[in-house]
Amino acid sequence: SPVADPKSKGVICGLTLDTSEKYLALLYLATIQGIAYGTRHIVEHCNAHGHKVLIFDQGFQRVTRYMIGCL
């Protein structure tokens, strides 16, 4: 991470006891978005400092346009 701080902490606000499929899907989406934006932050930082970044995707069977848009 460009802003490495071993003492930093994260939080998920607004959690409830709801276990519906819709709520869990939204929580999953928020998690994926957080990972994508974090990755984008790292890639942009590296590019700004003259490093060429190549992204290889092995975890998804299919990459959606939405996921590419986040990066």
Protein backbone atom coordinates (compact mmCIF):
# COMPACT_ATOMS: atom_id res chain seq x y z
CA SER A 1 0.00 0.00 0.00
CA PRO A 2 1.27 3.50 -0.78
CA VAL A 3 0.11 4.60 2.66
CA ALA A 4 1.50 1.77 4.77
CA ASP A 5 0.68 2.21 8.43
CA PRO A 6 0.76 -0.90 10.62
CA LYS A 7 -1.36 0.89 13.23
CA SER A 8 -4.14 1.88 10.84
CA LYS A 9 -7.57 0.33 11.33
CA GLY A 10 -10.62 -0.19 9.19
CA VAL A 11 -14.29 -0.20 10.00
CA ILE A 12 -17.56 -1.24 8.41
CA CYS A 13 -20.31 1.17 9.47
CA GLY A 14 -24.00 0.40 9.53
CA LEU A 15 -23.92 -3.35 10.13
CA THR A 16 -27.20 -4.84 11.31
CA LEU A 17 -28.40 -8.29 12.30
CA ASP A 18 -30.14 -8.64 8.93
CA THR A 19 -29.17 -11.90 7.23
CA SER A 20 -31.35 -11.59 4.15
CA GLU A 21 -29.89 -12.50 0.78
CA LYS A 22 -30.21 -8.89 -0.43
CA TYR A 23 -28.35 -7.48 2.58
CA LEU A 24 -25.54 -10.02 2.33
CA ALA A 25 -25.24 -9.36 -1.41
CA LEU A 26 -24.87 -5.61 -0.71
CA LEU A 27 -22.24 -6.31 1.94
CA TYR A 28 -20.37 -8.54 -0.52
CA LEU A 29 -20.57 -5.80 -3.18
CA ALA A 30 -19.18 -3.23 -0.74
CA THR A 31 -16.29 -5.57 0.09
CA ILE A 32 -15.46 -6.12 -3.59
CA GLN A 33 -15.63 -2.37 -4.23
CA GLY A 34 -13.26 -1.70 -1.33
CA ILE A 35 -10.75 -4.19 -2.68
CA ALA A 36 -11.05 -2.75 -6.21
CA TYR A 37 -10.58 0.85 -5.07
CA GLY A 38 -7.64 -0.14 -2.88
CA THR A 39 -6.02 -1.89 -5.83
CA ARG A 40 -6.67 1.14 -8.03
CA HIS A 41 -5.01 3.40 -5.45
CA ILE A 42 -1.89 1.22 -5.47
CA VAL A 43 -1.76 1.05 -9.29
CA GLU A 44 -2.22 4.82 -9.68
CA HIS A 45 0.49 5.50 -7.11
CA CYS A 46 2.92 3.16 -8.86
CA ASN A 47 2.14 4.66 -12.29
CA ALA A 48 2.66 8.19 -10.94
CA HIS A 49 6.13 7.18 -9.77
CA GLY A 50 7.23 5.67 -13.10
CA HIS A 51 6.48 2.00 -12.47
CA LYS A 52 4.71 -0.04 -15.12
CA VAL A 53 1.99 -2.17 -13.55
CA LEU A 54 0.64 -5.31 -15.20
CA ILE A 55 -2.50 -6.88 -13.77
CA PHE A 56 -2.99 -10.63 -14.19
CA ASP A 57 -6.35 -12.02 -13.18
CA GLN A 58 -6.46 -15.64 -12.08
CA GLY A 59 -9.25 -15.56 -9.51
CA PHE A 60 -12.30 -14.87 -11.63
CA GLN A 61 -13.69 -17.07 -14.36
CA ARG A 62 -15.11 -13.98 -15.99
CA VAL A 63 -14.27 -10.32 -15.56
CA THR A 64 -17.31 -8.07 -15.77
CA ARG A 65 -17.35 -4.55 -17.17
CA TYR A 66 -18.24 -3.32 -13.68
CA MET A 67 -15.06 -4.76 -12.19
CA ILE A 68 -12.92 -3.27 -14.97
CA GLY A 69 -14.61 0.10 -14.37
CA CYS A 70 -13.60 0.04 -10.70
CA LEU A 71 -9.95 -0.43 -11.63
